[in-house]
């Protein structure tokens, strides 16, 4: 595990999930180099799904970049300021550590990164970047399976065996 002391002078980069085109992290680093502040990796989601994500309250700067004015953790559909969802990809300035130390538990009785990011956005500029590429929701069983299958199918040492298994399984289930 990283220690706070060892990364106080650098940004924290965290990614969750998977996308298979131009690496999301590379896209976000490019945006960070332009704005020199915390960047959230986001994508638009269906309005009925905003309750599953932290949602950005912001203003567009370009087709793919928003200034973050605020964040709402898993809002009800009618309370969501947008459908721009935070999707587990972050470049975060180290000031987040101080904020996390004093962040009270939020939704679900847990300390929510979204709540700490909301406070960070009050202290310094923050941007949300709509990244390109396929996103897998690995917090959802179906999304986890899809990501795992895609990963396996991209590996030469797994592809043929997995395809054989899938073909056999589909036949067994009448497809």
Protein backbone atom coordinates (compact mmCIF):
# COMPACT_ATOMS: atom_id res chain seq x y z
CA UNK A 1 0.00 0.00 0.00
CA UNK A 2 1.22 3.49 -0.77
CA UNK A 3 2.09 5.67 2.14
CA UNK A 4 0.87 9.24 2.25
CA UNK A 5 4.34 10.57 3.01
CA UNK A 6 5.78 9.06 -0.16
CA UNK A 7 3.25 10.68 -2.51
CA UNK A 8 2.52 14.06 -0.94
CA UNK A 9 4.25 15.95 -3.73
CA UNK A 10 2.66 14.14 -6.65
CA UNK A 11 -0.81 13.49 -7.94
CA UNK A 12 -2.61 10.28 -7.15
CA UNK A 13 -3.78 8.32 -10.14
CA UNK A 14 -6.46 5.72 -9.57
CA UNK A 15 -8.32 3.68 -12.14
CA UNK A 16 -11.02 1.07 -11.73
CA UNK A 17 -12.68 -1.01 -14.40
CA UNK A 18 -11.45 -1.41 -17.91
CA UNK A 19 -11.61 0.18 -21.32
CA UNK A 20 -10.06 -1.20 -24.45
CA UNK A 21 -9.23 1.66 -26.79
CA UNK A 22 -6.74 4.53 -26.34
CA UNK A 23 -5.92 4.05 -22.67
CA UNK A 24 -8.09 6.19 -20.45
CA UNK A 25 -5.15 7.05 -18.23
CA UNK A 26 -3.21 8.45 -21.20
CA UNK A 27 -6.23 10.55 -22.20
CA UNK A 28 -6.54 11.88 -18.65
CA UNK A 29 -2.83 12.65 -18.34
CA UNK A 30 -3.12 14.74 -21.51
CA UNK A 31 -5.99 16.70 -19.94
CA UNK A 32 -4.06 17.04 -16.66
CA UNK A 33 -1.08 18.46 -18.54
CA UNK A 34 -3.36 21.14 -19.97
CA UNK A 35 -5.16 22.09 -16.73
CA UNK A 36 -2.60 21.11 -14.04
CA UNK A 37 -5.23 20.13 -11.47
CA UNK A 38 -7.40 17.17 -10.44
CA UNK A 39 -9.17 15.40 -13.30
CA UNK A 40 -12.15 13.05 -12.97
CA UNK A 41 -12.77 10.44 -15.67
CA UNK A 42 -16.46 10.57 -16.59
CA UNK A 43 -19.00 9.45 -19.16
CA UNK A 44 -22.63 10.23 -19.72
CA UNK A 45 -25.04 7.58 -18.41
CA UNK A 46 -28.75 7.03 -18.97
CA UNK A 47 -30.75 9.38 -16.76
CA UNK A 48 -32.39 6.46 -14.93
CA UNK A 49 -28.93 5.21 -13.90
CA UNK A 50 -27.64 8.38 -12.22
CA UNK A 51 -28.59 6.90 -8.82
CA UNK A 52 -25.73 4.38 -9.25
CA UNK A 53 -22.91 6.94 -9.54
CA UNK A 54 -21.35 10.11 -8.27
CA UNK A 55 -22.67 12.82 -10.62
CA UNK A 56 -20.94 16.00 -11.79
CA UNK A 57 -22.51 19.41 -11.34
CA UNK A 58 -20.52 21.52 -13.77
CA UNK A 59 -20.29 23.61 -16.88
CA UNK A 60 -18.88 22.43 -20.21
CA UNK A 61 -15.54 23.95 -21.19
CA UNK A 62 -15.41 21.91 -24.41
CA UNK A 63 -17.14 18.87 -25.89
CA UNK A 64 -15.24 16.60 -23.48
CA UNK A 65 -14.25 18.76 -20.48
CA UNK A 66 -16.38 20.20 -17.68
CA UNK A 67 -15.46 22.59 -14.88
CA UNK A 68 -16.59 20.85 -11.70
CA UNK A 69 -18.70 23.09 -9.48
CA UNK A 70 -19.96 20.27 -7.28
CA UNK A 71 -20.60 16.55 -7.05
CA UNK A 72 -23.57 14.55 -5.83
CA UNK A 73 -23.14 10.96 -4.61
CA UNK A 74 -25.79 8.63 -6.05
CA UNK A 75 -28.61 11.17 -6.36
CA UNK A 76 -32.23 10.37 -7.01
CA UNK A 77 -33.02 10.85 -10.71
CA UNK A 78 -35.00 14.03 -10.03
CA UNK A 79 -32.16 15.52 -7.93
CA UNK A 80 -29.28 14.83 -10.32
CA UNK A 81 -27.66 18.00 -11.72
CA UNK A 82 -26.61 16.11 -14.88
CA UNK A 83 -26.08 12.63 -16.24
CA UNK A 84 -22.26 13.00 -16.27
CA UNK A 85 -21.09 10.14 -14.03
CA UNK A 86 -17.77 9.68 -12.23
CA UNK A 87 -16.52 6.26 -13.27
CA UNK A 88 -13.60 5.28 -11.08
CA UNK A 89 -10.85 7.05 -12.99
CA UNK A 90 -9.07 9.87 -11.19
CA UNK A 91 -5.99 12.04 -11.17
CA UNK A 92 -6.19 13.70 -7.76
CA UNK A 93 -3.98 16.34 -6.20
CA UNK A 94 -2.47 15.29 -2.84
CA UNK A 95 -4.58 17.83 -0.93
CA UNK A 96 -7.20 15.07 -0.93
CA UNK A 97 -5.42 13.37 1.99
CA UNK A 98 -6.07 16.23 4.40
CA UNK A 99 -9.70 16.29 3.31
CA UNK A 100 -10.15 12.53 3.68
CA UNK A 101 -8.88 12.73 7.26
CA UNK A 102 -11.85 14.92 8.20
CA UNK A 103 -14.51 13.54 5.83
CA UNK A 104 -17.46 12.11 7.73
CA UNK A 105 -19.16 8.93 6.54
CA UNK A 106 -21.73 9.64 3.84
CA UNK A 107 -24.13 7.43 1.89
CA UNK A 108 -24.12 3.88 3.18
CA UNK A 109 -22.24 4.91 6.33
CA UNK A 110 -18.93 4.89 4.42
CA UNK A 111 -16.43 7.65 3.73
CA UNK A 112 -17.20 8.50 0.12
CA UNK A 113 -14.41 9.67 -2.17
CA UNK A 114 -17.06 11.77 -3.93
CA UNK A 115 -17.67 13.72 -0.71
CA UNK A 116 -13.94 14.43 -0.34
CA UNK A 117 -13.68 15.41 -4.01
CA UNK A 118 -16.62 17.79 -3.54
CA UNK A 119 -14.64 19.56 -0.79
CA UNK A 120 -11.49 19.58 -2.94
CA UNK A 121 -13.48 21.23 -5.75
CA UNK A 122 -14.34 24.06 -3.35
CA UNK A 123 -10.65 24.62 -2.61
CA UNK A 124 -9.18 24.39 -6.10
CA UNK A 125 -10.16 24.02 -9.72
CA UNK A 126 -11.25 20.56 -10.79
CA UNK A 127 -12.22 19.24 -14.20
CA UNK A 128 -14.20 16.26 -15.45
CA UNK A 129 -13.10 14.65 -18.69
CA UNK A 130 -15.43 12.50 -20.83
CA UNK A 131 -12.99 9.76 -21.79
CA UNK A 132 -13.19 7.72 -24.97
CA UNK A 133 -13.53 3.98 -24.90
CA UNK A 134 -15.61 1.13 -23.63
CA UNK A 135 -16.36 1.18 -19.92
CA UNK A 136 -17.17 -1.89 -17.90
CA UNK A 137 -19.06 -1.45 -14.64
CA UNK A 138 -17.09 -3.96 -12.57
CA UNK A 139 -19.28 -3.20 -9.56
CA UNK A 140 -22.13 -4.87 -11.45
CA UNK A 141 -22.04 -8.67 -11.94
CA UNK A 142 -22.81 -8.46 -15.66
CA UNK A 143 -20.21 -5.73 -16.20
CA UNK A 144 -17.61 -7.73 -14.28
CA UNK A 145 -18.24 -10.80 -16.43
CA UNK A 146 -18.09 -8.75 -19.65
CA UNK A 147 -14.79 -7.15 -18.63
CA UNK A 148 -13.33 -10.53 -17.68
CA UNK A 149 -14.39 -12.11 -20.98
CA UNK A 150 -13.02 -9.21 -23.03
CA UNK A 151 -9.72 -9.34 -21.16
CA UNK A 152 -9.44 -13.11 -21.64
CA UNK A 153 -10.30 -12.88 -25.35
CA UNK A 154 -7.49 -10.37 -25.87
CA UNK A 155 -4.91 -12.78 -24.44
CA UNK A 156 -3.39 -15.24 -26.90
CA UNK A 157 -2.87 -17.84 -24.17
CA UNK A 158 -6.57 -17.81 -23.19
CA UNK A 159 -8.56 -16.94 -26.28
CA UNK A 160 -8.97 -20.34 -27.97
CA UNK A 161 -9.70 -22.26 -24.79
CA UNK A 162 -12.29 -19.70 -23.74
CA UNK A 163 -13.96 -19.67 -27.17
CA UNK A 164 -14.17 -23.47 -27.09
CA UNK A 165 -15.73 -23.34 -23.63
CA UNK A 166 -18.22 -20.65 -24.67
CA UNK A 167 -19.20 -22.60 -27.79
CA UNK A 168 -19.74 -25.79 -25.76
CA UNK A 169 -21.72 -23.90 -23.11
CA UNK A 170 -23.94 -22.19 -25.71
CA UNK A 171 -24.73 -25.54 -27.34
CA UNK A 172 -25.55 -27.03 -23.95
CA UNK A 173 -28.02 -24.22 -23.33
CA UNK A 174 -29.67 -24.53 -26.75
CA UNK A 175 -28.12 -21.57 -28.52
